[in-house]
PDB file of N, CA and C in Angstrom:
ATOM      1  N   MET A   1      74.899  98.149 134.066  1.00  0.00           N
ATOM      2  CA  MET A   1      75.747  98.708 133.099  1.00  0.00           C
ATOM      3  C   MET A   1      77.160  98.618 133.610  1.00  0.00           C
ATOM      4  N   LYS A   2      78.075  97.968 132.865  1.00  0.00           N
ATOM      5  CA  LYS A   2      79.393  97.853 133.243  1.00  0.00           C
ATOM      6  C   LYS A   2      80.133  99.143 133.323  1.00  0.00           C
ATOM      7  N   LYS A   3      81.094  99.246 134.090  1.00  0.00           N
ATOM      8  CA  LYS A   3      81.952 100.310 134.171  1.00  0.00           C
ATOM      9  C   LYS A   3      82.686 100.853 133.044  1.00  0.00           C
ATOM     10  N   GLY A   4      82.545 102.014 132.462  1.00  0.00           N
ATOM     11  CA  GLY A   4      83.196 102.458 131.328  1.00  0.00           C
ATOM     12  C   GLY A   4      82.350 102.171 130.063  1.00  0.00           C
ATOM     13  N   GLU A   5      81.163 101.434 130.242  1.00  0.00           N
ATOM     14  CA  GLU A   5      80.435 101.234 129.132  1.00  0.00           C
ATOM     15  C   GLU A   5      79.773 102.529 128.488  1.00  0.00           C
ATOM     16  N   GLY A   6      79.305 103.349 129.424  1.00  0.00           N
ATOM     17  CA  GLY A   6      78.742 104.574 128.972  1.00  0.00           C
ATOM     18  C   GLY A   6      79.674 105.597 128.173  1.00  0.00           C
ATOM     19  N   GLN A   7      80.953 105.342 128.561  1.00  0.00           N
ATOM     20  CA  GLN A   7      82.075 106.255 127.927  1.00  0.00           C
ATOM     21  C   GLN A   7      82.424 105.728 126.621  1.00  0.00           C
ATOM     22  N   SER A   8      82.238 104.448 126.256  1.00  0.00           N
ATOM     23  CA  SER A   8      82.806 103.793 125.157  1.00  0.00           C
ATOM     24  C   SER A   8      82.074 104.336 123.872  1.00  0.00           C
ATOM     25  N   GLN A   9      80.753 104.644 123.942  1.00  0.00           N
ATOM     26  CA  GLN A   9      80.090 105.133 122.653  1.00  0.00           C
ATOM     27  C   GLN A   9      80.580 106.382 122.203  1.00  0.00           C
ATOM     28  N   PRO A  10      80.752 107.500 122.988  1.00  0.00           N
ATOM     29  CA  PRO A  10      81.419 108.810 122.586  1.00  0.00           C
ATOM     30  C   PRO A  10      82.757 108.490 122.103  1.00  0.00           C
ATOM     31  N   MET A  11      83.556 107.612 122.697  1.00  0.00           N
ATOM     32  CA  MET A  11      84.916 107.328 122.265  1.00  0.00           C
ATOM     33  C   MET A  11      84.966 106.652 120.856  1.00  0.00           C
ATOM     34  N   GLU A  12      83.936 105.750 120.569  1.00  0.00           N
ATOM     35  CA  GLU A  12      83.769 105.101 119.324  1.00  0.00           C
ATOM     36  C   GLU A  12      83.367 106.093 118.216  1.00  0.00           C
ATOM     37  N   LYS A  13      82.645 106.975 118.612  1.00  0.00           N
ATOM     38  CA  LYS A  13      82.181 108.084 117.713  1.00  0.00           C
ATOM     39  C   LYS A  13      83.405 108.890 117.260  1.00  0.00           C
ATOM     40  N   GLN A  14      84.230 109.336 118.296  1.00  0.00           N
ATOM     41  CA  GLN A  14      85.444 110.121 118.107  1.00  0.00           C
ATOM     42  C   GLN A  14      86.481 109.317 117.181  1.00  0.00           C
ATOM     43  N   LEU A  15      86.536 107.977 117.423  1.00  0.00           N
ATOM     44  CA  LEU A  15      87.398 107.263 116.673  1.00  0.00           C
ATOM     45  C   LEU A  15      87.033 107.102 115.117  1.00  0.00           C
ATOM     46  N   TYR A  16      85.663 106.993 114.935  1.00  0.00           N
ATOM     47  CA  TYR A  16      85.128 106.903 113.683  1.00  0.00           C
ATOM     48  C   TYR A  16      85.344 108.158 112.925  1.00  0.00           C
ATOM     49  N   SER A  17      85.236 109.299 113.773  1.00  0.00           N
ATOM     50  CA  SER A  17      85.327 110.592 112.963  1.00  0.00           C
ATOM     51  C   SER A  17      86.777 110.778 112.660  1.00  0.00           C
ATOM     52  N   GLU A  18      87.810 110.374 113.654  1.00  0.00           N
ATOM     53  CA  GLU A  18      89.261 110.531 113.244  1.00  0.00           C
ATOM     54  C   GLU A  18      89.463 109.616 112.074  1.00  0.00           C
ATOM     55  N   LYS A  19      89.055 108.522 111.989  1.00  0.00           N
ATOM     56  CA  LYS A  19      89.437 107.496 110.867  1.00  0.00           C
ATOM     57  C   LYS A  19      88.759 108.214 109.621  1.00  0.00           C
ATOM     58  N   LYS A  20      87.603 108.762 109.589  1.00  0.00           N
ATOM     59  CA  LYS A  20      87.030 109.287 108.472  1.00  0.00           C
ATOM     60  C   LYS A  20      87.774 110.436 108.013  1.00  0.00           C
ATOM     61  N   GLN A  21      88.392 111.491 109.006  1.00  0.00           N
ATOM     62  CA  GLN A  21      89.261 112.376 108.486  1.00  0.00           C
ATOM     63  C   GLN A  21      90.559 111.959 107.888  1.00  0.00           C
ATOM     64  N   LEU A  22      91.146 110.980 108.577  1.00  0.00           N
ATOM     65  CA  LEU A  22      92.394 110.411 107.866  1.00  0.00           C
ATOM     66  C   LEU A  22      92.090 109.717 106.591  1.00  0.00           C
ATOM     67  N   GLU A  23      90.980 109.074 106.222  1.00  0.00           N
ATOM     68  CA  GLU A  23      90.728 108.509 104.979  1.00  0.00           C
ATOM     69  C   GLU A  23      90.476 109.527 104.130  1.00  0.00           C
ATOM     70  N   ASN A  24      89.875 110.673 104.405  1.00  0.00           N
ATOM     71  CA  ASN A  24      89.650 111.721 103.411  1.00  0.00           C
ATOM     72  C   ASN A  24      91.076 112.435 103.111  1.00  0.00           C
ATOM     73  N   GLN A  25      91.928 112.490 103.984  1.00  0.00           N
ATOM     74  CA  GLN A  25      93.228 112.894 103.762  1.00  0.00           C
ATOM     75  C   GLN A  25      93.955 112.020 102.733  1.00  0.00           C
ATOM     76  N   LEU A  26      93.744 110.689 102.945  1.00  0.00           N
ATOM     77  CA  LEU A  26      94.388 109.871 102.056  1.00  0.00           C
ATOM     78  C   LEU A  26      93.819 109.924 100.708  1.00  0.00           C
ATOM     79  N   ASP A  27      92.515 110.130 100.635  1.00  0.00           N
ATOM     80  CA  ASP A  27      91.917 110.286  99.282  1.00  0.00           C
ATOM     81  C   ASP A  27      92.493 111.531  98.584  1.00  0.00           C
ATOM     82  N   GLN A  28      92.596 112.694  99.425  1.00  0.00           N
ATOM     83  CA  GLN A  28      93.030 113.791  98.889  1.00  0.00           C
ATOM     84  C   GLN A  28      94.458 113.730  98.355  1.00  0.00           C
ATOM     85  N   LEU A  29      95.238 112.959  99.118  1.00  0.00           N
ATOM     86  CA  LEU A  29      96.731 112.738  98.599  1.00  0.00           C
ATOM     87  C   LEU A  29      96.759 111.920  97.317  1.00  0.00           C
ATOM     88  N   LYS A  30      95.835 110.901  97.239  1.00  0.00           N
ATOM     89  CA  LYS A  30      95.851 110.188  96.003  1.00  0.00           C
ATOM     90  C   LYS A  30      95.348 111.070  94.737  1.00  0.00           C
ATOM     91  N   LYS A  31      94.387 111.951  95.088  1.00  0.00           N
ATOM     92  CA  LYS A  31      93.915 112.890  94.054  1.00  0.00           C
ATOM     93  C   LYS A  31      95.075 113.760  93.487  1.00  0.00           C
ATOM     94  N   GLU A  32      95.760 114.472  94.594  1.00  0.00           N
ATOM     95  CA  GLU A  32      96.883 115.294  94.296  1.00  0.00           C
ATOM     96  C   GLU A  32      98.070 114.499  93.508  1.00  0.00           C
ATOM     97  N   LYS A  33      98.227 113.311  93.801  1.00  0.00           N
ATOM     98  CA  LYS A  33      99.231 112.531  93.072  1.00  0.00           C
ATOM     99  C   LYS A  33      98.776 112.313  91.640  1.00  0.00           C
ATOM    100  N   SER A  34      97.585 111.994  91.454  1.00  0.00           N
ATOM    101  CA  SER A  34      97.065 111.810  90.095  1.00  0.00           C
ATOM    102  C   SER A  34      97.165 113.054  89.301  1.00  0.00           C
ATOM    103  N   LYS A  35      96.783 114.026  89.839  1.00  0.00           N
ATOM    104  CA  LYS A  35      96.896 115.481  89.187  1.00  0.00           C
ATOM    105  C   LYS A  35      98.385 115.757  88.729  1.00  0.00           C
ATOM    106  N   PHE A  36      99.321 115.334  89.688  1.00  0.00           N
ATOM    107  CA  PHE A  36     100.674 115.629  89.373  1.00  0.00           C
ATOM    108  C   PHE A  36     101.139 114.661  88.338  1.00  0.00           C
ATOM    109  N   ASP A  37     100.641 113.445  88.356  1.00  0.00           N
ATOM    110  CA  ASP A  37     101.069 112.358  87.237  1.00  0.00           C
ATOM    111  C   ASP A  37     100.669 112.960  86.011  1.00  0.00           C
ATOM    112  N   HIS A  38      99.423 113.366  85.965  1.00  0.00           N
ATOM    113  CA  HIS A  38      98.656 113.836  84.775  1.00  0.00           C
ATOM    114  C   HIS A  38      99.516 115.072  84.158  1.00  0.00           C
ATOM    115  N   TYR A  39      99.828 115.948  85.090  1.00  0.00           N
ATOM    116  CA  TYR A  39     100.634 117.104  84.632  1.00  0.00           C
ATOM    117  C   TYR A  39     101.949 116.779  83.997  1.00  0.00           C
ATOM    118  N   LEU A  40     102.684 115.671  84.585  1.00  0.00           N
ATOM    119  CA  LEU A  40     103.860 115.345  84.142  1.00  0.00           C
ATOM    120  C   LEU A  40     103.745 114.691  82.691  1.00  0.00           C
ATOM    121  N   ASP A  41     102.701 113.841  82.576  1.00  0.00           N
ATOM    122  CA  ASP A  41     102.495 113.194  81.353  1.00  0.00           C
ATOM    123  C   ASP A  41     102.241 114.178  80.247  1.00  0.00           C
ATOM    124  N   HIS A  42     101.402 115.296  80.696  1.00  0.00           N
ATOM    125  CA  HIS A  42     100.955 116.344  79.718  1.00  0.00           C
ATOM    126  C   HIS A  42     102.255 116.998  79.319  1.00  0.00           C
ATOM    127  N   LEU A  43     103.144 117.348  80.246  1.00  0.00           N
ATOM    128  CA  LEU A  43     104.415 117.986  79.834  1.00  0.00           C
ATOM    129  C   LEU A  43     105.206 117.140  78.961  1.00  0.00           C
ATOM    130  N   ALA A  44     105.296 115.882  79.212  1.00  0.00           N
ATOM    131  CA  ALA A  44     106.169 114.986  78.234  1.00  0.00           C
ATOM    132  C   ALA A  44     105.501 114.942  76.960  1.00  0.00           C
ATOM    133  N   ASP A  45     104.156 114.911  76.760  1.00  0.00           N
ATOM    134  CA  ASP A  45     103.616 114.970  75.576  1.00  0.00           C
ATOM    135  C   ASP A  45     103.786 116.185  74.772  1.00  0.00           C
ATOM    136  N   GLN A  46     103.657 117.445  75.379  1.00  0.00           N
ATOM    137  CA  GLN A  46     103.985 118.738  74.816  1.00  0.00           C
ATOM    138  C   GLN A  46     105.364 118.760  74.300  1.00  0.00           C
ATOM    139  N   PHE A  47     106.401 118.287  75.094  1.00  0.00           N
ATOM    140  CA  PHE A  47     107.704 118.095  74.764  1.00  0.00           C
ATOM    141  C   PHE A  47     107.930 117.265  73.569  1.00  0.00           C
ATOM    142  N   HIS A  48     107.266 116.102  73.571  1.00  0.00           N
ATOM    143  CA  HIS A  48     107.315 115.268  72.464  1.00  0.00           C
ATOM    144  C   HIS A  48     106.773 115.796  71.178  1.00  0.00           C
ATOM    145  N   ASP A  49     105.970 116.660  71.230  1.00  0.00           N
ATOM    146  CA  ASP A  49     105.370 117.352  70.114  1.00  0.00           C
ATOM    147  C   ASP A  49     106.173 118.194  69.268  1.00  0.00           C
ATOM    148  N   PHE A  50     107.396 118.711  70.036  1.00  0.00           N
ATOM    149  CA  PHE A  50     108.353 119.442  69.458  1.00  0.00           C
ATOM    150  C   PHE A  50     109.459 118.799  68.682  1.00  0.00           C
ATOM    151  N   LEU A  51     108.994 117.780  67.895  1.00  0.00           N
ATOM    152  CA  LEU A  51     110.086 117.007  67.366  1.00  0.00           C
ATOM    153  C   LEU A  51     110.787 117.693  66.169  1.00  0.00           C
ATOM    154  N   PHE A  52     110.218 118.724  65.696  1.00  0.00           N
ATOM    155  CA  PHE A  52     110.845 119.395  64.633  1.00  0.00           C
ATOM    156  C   PHE A  52     111.957 120.229  64.920  1.00  0.00           C
ATOM    157  N   PHE A  53     112.197 120.361  66.407  1.00  0.00           N
ATOM    158  CA  PHE A  53     113.420 121.034  66.780  1.00  0.00           C
ATOM    159  C   PHE A  53     114.538 120.022  66.917  1.00  0.00           C
ATOM    160  N   ASP A  54     115.685 120.400  66.673  1.00  0.00           N
ATOM    161  CA  ASP A  54     116.921 119.437  66.965  1.00  0.00           C
ATOM    162  C   ASP A  54     117.301 119.539  68.339  1.00  0.00           C
ATOM    163  N   VAL A  55     116.586 118.845  69.269  1.00  0.00           N
ATOM    164  CA  VAL A  55     116.832 119.120  70.727  1.00  0.00           C
ATOM    165  C   VAL A  55     117.266 117.722  71.448  1.00  0.00           C
ATOM    166  N   SER A  56     117.851 116.766  70.574  1.00  0.00           N
ATOM    167  CA  SER A  56     118.011 115.442  71.054  1.00  0.00           C
ATOM    168  C   SER A  56     118.893 115.501  72.221  1.00  0.00           C
ATOM    169  N   PRO A  57     119.894 116.226  72.513  1.00  0.00           N
ATOM    170  CA  PRO A  57     120.618 116.092  73.799  1.00  0.00           C
ATOM    171  C   PRO A  57     119.788 116.735  74.906  1.00  0.00           C
ATOM    172  N   HIS A  58     118.934 117.737  74.664  1.00  0.00           N
ATOM    173  CA  HIS A  58     118.151 118.289  75.617  1.00  0.00           C
ATOM    174  C   HIS A  58     116.875 117.445  75.850  1.00  0.00           C
ATOM    175  N   ARG A  59     116.477 116.678  74.902  1.00  0.00           N
ATOM    176  CA  ARG A  59     115.331 115.809  75.167  1.00  0.00           C
ATOM    177  C   ARG A  59     115.795 114.642  76.113  1.00  0.00           C
ATOM    178  N   LYS A  60     116.924 114.220  75.886  1.00  0.00           N
ATOM    179  CA  LYS A  60     117.393 113.148  76.803  1.00  0.00           C
ATOM    180  C   LYS A  60     117.531 113.762  78.332  1.00  0.00           C
ATOM    181  N   GLN A  61     117.966 114.822  78.445  1.00  0.00           N
ATOM    182  CA  GLN A  61     118.134 115.508  79.641  1.00  0.00           C
ATOM    183  C   GLN A  61     116.741 115.769  80.368  1.00  0.00           C
ATOM    184  N   PHE A  62     115.784 116.234  79.415  1.00  0.00           N
ATOM    185  CA  PHE A  62     114.290 116.516  79.836  1.00  0.00           C
ATOM    186  C   PHE A  62     113.732 115.021  80.463  1.00  0.00           C
ATOM    187  N   TYR A  63     113.876 114.156  79.758  1.00  0.00           N
ATOM    188  CA  TYR A  63     113.320 112.794  80.012  1.00  0.00           C
ATOM    189  C   TYR A  63     113.969 112.250  81.270  1.00  0.00           C
ATOM    190  N   HIS A  64     115.175 112.499  81.550  1.00  0.00           N
ATOM    191  CA  HIS A  64     115.938 112.163  82.736  1.00  0.00           C
ATOM    192  C   HIS A  64     115.159 112.915  84.014  1.00  0.00           C
ATOM    193  N   LEU A  65     115.120 114.289  83.741  1.00  0.00           N
ATOM    194  CA  LEU A  65     114.534 114.934  84.800  1.00  0.00           C
ATOM    195  C   LEU A  65     113.039 114.779  85.048  1.00  0.00           C
ATOM    196  N   LEU A  66     112.331 114.203  84.101  1.00  0.00           N
ATOM    197  CA  LEU A  66     110.877 113.940  84.159  1.00  0.00           C
ATOM    198  C   LEU A  66     110.804 112.677  85.020  1.00  0.00           C
ATOM    199  N   ASN A  67     111.621 111.793  84.571  1.00  0.00           N
ATOM    200  CA  ASN A  67     111.622 110.320  85.355  1.00  0.00           C
ATOM    201  C   ASN A  67     112.058 110.657  86.826  1.00  0.00           C
ATOM    202  N   ASP A  68     113.026 111.411  87.085  1.00  0.00           N
ATOM    203  CA  ASP A  68     113.510 111.715  88.451  1.00  0.00           C
ATOM    204  C   ASP A  68     112.207 112.412  89.061  1.00  0.00           C
ATOM    205  N   SER A  69     111.496 113.210  88.570  1.00  0.00           N
ATOM    206  CA  SER A  69     110.394 113.865  89.174  1.00  0.00           C
ATOM    207  C   SER A  69     109.309 112.882  89.463  1.00  0.00           C
ATOM    208  N   LYS A  70     108.997 111.927  88.596  1.00  0.00           N
ATOM    209  CA  LYS A  70     108.060 110.948  88.884  1.00  0.00           C
ATOM    210  C   LYS A  70     108.354 110.085  89.973  1.00  0.00           C
ATOM    211  N   GLU A  71     109.639 109.546  89.906  1.00  0.00           N
ATOM    212  CA  GLU A  71     110.086 108.861  90.965  1.00  0.00           C
ATOM    213  C   GLU A  71     110.120 109.434  92.411  1.00  0.00           C
ATOM    214  N   GLU A  72     110.481 110.694  92.444  1.00  0.00           N
ATOM    215  CA  GLU A  72     110.306 111.486  93.618  1.00  0.00           C
ATOM    216  C   GLU A  72     108.870 111.646  94.138  1.00  0.00           C
ATOM    217  N   ALA A  73     107.973 111.944  93.168  1.00  0.00           N
ATOM    218  CA  ALA A  73     106.708 112.201  93.617  1.00  0.00           C
ATOM    219  C   ALA A  73     106.084 110.797  94.048  1.00  0.00           C
ATOM    220  N   GLU A  74     106.591 109.561  93.450  1.00  0.00           N
ATOM    221  CA  GLU A  74     106.054 108.283  93.924  1.00  0.00           C
ATOM    222  C   GLU A  74     106.498 108.030  95.328  1.00  0.00           C
ATOM    223  N   ARG A  75     107.920 108.336  95.631  1.00  0.00           N
ATOM    224  CA  ARG A  75     108.478 108.164  97.011  1.00  0.00           C
ATOM    225  C   ARG A  75     107.714 109.006  97.951  1.00  0.00           C
ATOM    226  N   ILE A  76     107.520 110.307  97.635  1.00  0.00           N
ATOM    227  CA  ILE A  76     106.618 111.064  98.608  1.00  0.00           C
ATOM    228  C   ILE A  76     105.337 110.631  98.835  1.00  0.00           C
ATOM    229  N   PHE A  77     104.681 110.200  97.800  1.00  0.00           N
ATOM    230  CA  PHE A  77     103.206 109.623  97.863  1.00  0.00           C
ATOM    231  C   PHE A  77     103.171 108.471  98.742  1.00  0.00           C
ATOM    232  N   ARG A  78     104.205 107.464  98.569  1.00  0.00           N
ATOM    233  CA  ARG A  78     104.259 106.265  99.403  1.00  0.00           C
ATOM    234  C   ARG A  78     104.535 106.583 100.886  1.00  0.00           C
ATOM    235  N   ARG A  79     105.279 107.519 101.107  1.00  0.00           N
ATOM    236  CA  ARG A  79     105.756 107.859 102.489  1.00  0.00           C
ATOM    237  C   ARG A  79     104.538 108.563 103.243  1.00  0.00           C
ATOM    238  N   GLU A  80     103.851 109.466 102.466  1.00  0.00           N
ATOM    239  CA  GLU A  80     102.679 110.094 102.982  1.00  0.00           C
ATOM    240  C   GLU A  80     101.589 109.168 103.287  1.00  0.00           C
ATOM    241  N   LYS A  81     101.453 108.200 102.287  1.00  0.00           N
ATOM    242  CA  LYS A  81     100.364 107.262 102.375  1.00  0.00           C
ATOM    243  C   LYS A  81     100.567 106.312 103.611  1.00  0.00           C
ATOM    244  N   ARG A  82     101.811 105.900 103.737  1.00  0.00           N
ATOM    245  CA  ARG A  82     102.111 105.080 104.886  1.00  0.00           C
ATOM    246  C   ARG A  82     101.895 105.807 106.168  1.00  0.00           C
ATOM    247  N   MET A  83     102.219 107.118 106.263  1.00  0.00           N
ATOM    248  CA  MET A  83     102.102 107.780 107.576  1.00  0.00           C
ATOM    249  C   MET A  83     100.575 107.910 107.872  1.00  0.00           C
ATOM    250  N   ILE A  84      99.979 108.206 106.811  1.00  0.00           N
ATOM    251  CA  ILE A  84      98.329 108.348 107.050  1.00  0.00           C
ATOM    252  C   ILE A  84      97.712 107.050 107.449  1.00  0.00           C
ATOM    253  N   GLU A  85      98.195 105.993 106.790  1.00  0.00           N
ATOM    254  CA  GLU A  85      97.591 104.624 107.178  1.00  0.00           C
ATOM    255  C   GLU A  85      97.969 104.158 108.541  1.00  0.00           C
ATOM    256  N   CYS A  86      99.169 104.547 108.927  1.00  0.00           N
ATOM    257  CA  CYS A  86      99.596 104.233 110.190  1.00  0.00           C
ATOM    258  C   CYS A  86      98.856 105.037 111.382  1.00  0.00           C
ATOM    259  N   ARG A  87      98.585 106.270 110.988  1.00  0.00           N
ATOM    260  CA  ARG A  87      97.804 107.125 111.829  1.00  0.00           C
ATOM    261  C   ARG A  87      96.273 106.488 111.906  1.00  0.00           C
ATOM    262  N   ILE A  88      95.883 105.917 110.884  1.00  0.00           N
ATOM    263  CA  ILE A  88      94.573 105.207 110.893  1.00  0.00           C
ATOM    264  C   ILE A  88      94.543 103.977 111.720  1.00  0.00           C
ATOM    265  N   GLU A  89      95.609 103.143 111.523  1.00  0.00           N
ATOM    266  CA  GLU A  89      95.496 101.903 112.203  1.00  0.00           C
ATOM    267  C   GLU A  89      96.023 101.873 113.612  1.00  0.00           C
ATOM    268  N   CYS A  90      97.141 102.544 113.841  1.00  0.00           N
ATOM    269  CA  CYS A  90      97.775 102.391 115.169  1.00  0.00           C
ATOM    270  C   CYS A  90      96.956 102.968 116.383  1.00  0.00           C
ATOM    271  N   PRO A  91      96.456 104.274 116.107  1.00  0.00           N
ATOM    272  CA  PRO A  91      95.637 104.715 117.276  1.00  0.00           C
ATOM    273  C   PRO A  91      94.500 103.953 117.495  1.00  0.00           C
ATOM    274  N   LEU A  92      93.895 103.343 116.340  1.00  0.00           N
ATOM    275  CA  LEU A  92      92.561 102.708 116.527  1.00  0.00           C
ATOM    276  C   LEU A  92      92.863 101.344 117.244  1.00  0.00           C
ATOM    277  N   VAL A  93      94.033 100.742 117.076  1.00  0.00           N
ATOM    278  CA  VAL A  93      94.292  99.513 117.738  1.00  0.00           C
ATOM    279  C   VAL A  93      94.457  99.895 119.225  1.00  0.00           C
ATOM    280  N   GLU A  94      95.293 100.854 119.488  1.00  0.00           N
ATOM    281  CA  GLU A  94      95.535 101.282 120.821  1.00  0.00           C
ATOM    282  C   GLU A  94      94.229 101.570 121.589  1.00  0.00           C
ATOM    283  N   LYS A  95      93.403 102.473 120.923  1.00  0.00           N
ATOM    284  CA  LYS A  95      92.194 102.915 121.607  1.00  0.00           C
ATOM    285  C   LYS A  95      91.130 101.752 121.822  1.00  0.00           C
ATOM    286  N   TYR A  96      91.052 100.829 120.818  1.00  0.00           N
ATOM    287  CA  TYR A  96      90.156  99.753 121.060  1.00  0.00           C
ATOM    288  C   TYR A  96      90.668  98.777 122.011  1.00  0.00           C
ATOM    289  N   SER A  97      91.980  98.640 122.230  1.00  0.00           N
ATOM    290  CA  SER A  97      92.587  97.744 123.149  1.00  0.00           C
ATOM    291  C   SER A  97      92.144  98.398 124.625  1.00  0.00           C
ATOM    292  N   ALA A  98      92.181  99.749 124.661  1.00  0.00           N
ATOM    293  CA  ALA A  98      91.931 100.391 125.912  1.00  0.00           C
ATOM    294  C   ALA A  98      90.469 100.167 126.244  1.00  0.00           C
ATOM    295  N   LEU A  99      89.609 100.188 125.255  1.00  0.00           N
ATOM    296  CA  LEU A  99      88.043 100.079 125.461  1.00  0.00           C
ATOM    297  C   LEU A  99      87.820  98.566 125.845  1.00  0.00           C
ATOM    298  N   GLU A 100      88.510  97.655 125.328  1.00  0.00           N
ATOM    299  CA  GLU A 100      88.356  96.263 125.662  1.00  0.00           C
ATOM    300  C   GLU A 100      88.647  95.991 127.057  1.00  0.00           C
ATOM    301  N   LYS A 101      89.812  96.691 127.485  1.00  0.00           N
ATOM    302  CA  LYS A 101      90.322  96.457 128.816  1.00  0.00           C
ATOM    303  C   LYS A 101      89.264  97.089 129.901  1.00  0.00           C
ATOM    304  N   GLU A 102      88.740  98.288 129.341  1.00  0.00           N
ATOM    305  CA  GLU A 102      87.676  98.903 130.298  1.00  0.00           C
ATOM    306  C   GLU A 102      86.549  98.008 130.439  1.00  0.00           C
ATOM    307  N   SER A 103      85.986  97.515 129.289  1.00  0.00           N
ATOM    308  CA  SER A 103      84.855  96.708 129.293  1.00  0.00           C
ATOM    309  C   SER A 103      85.045  95.410 129.957  1.00  0.00           C
ATOM    310  N   ASN A 104      86.212  94.794 130.016  1.00  0.00           N
ATOM    311  CA  ASN A 104      86.521  93.458 130.731  1.00  0.00           C
ATOM    312  C   ASN A 104      86.686  93.645 132.266  1.00  0.00           C
ATOM    313  N   ASN A 105      86.814  95.069 132.682  1.00  0.00           N
ATOM    314  CA  ASN A 105      86.983  95.220 134.230  1.00  0.00           C
ATOM    315  C   ASN A 105      85.678  95.417 134.832  1.00  0.00           C
TER     316      ASN A 105
END
């Protein structure tokens, strides 16, 4: 048995567990964004149903705010998604590199 070979299996299990946790966080983030998008669309539909009111200046302001909210939500989603993906990829690359170095020694 090579030096460090016995230690690599628990480390691989830990890496797999960490990766699964981060992937679950990413799935949860996607679900939350989907819920938020659905909520904003529902809000826009409700507002659109009130056409019998003369709210044209307010309608324009509302849609502007709605679009700003969607854009901000999209920015937050992309940032959080990148952070989680980096947390999945970067540590795995570093830890597997360390495992390879150990197994080569």
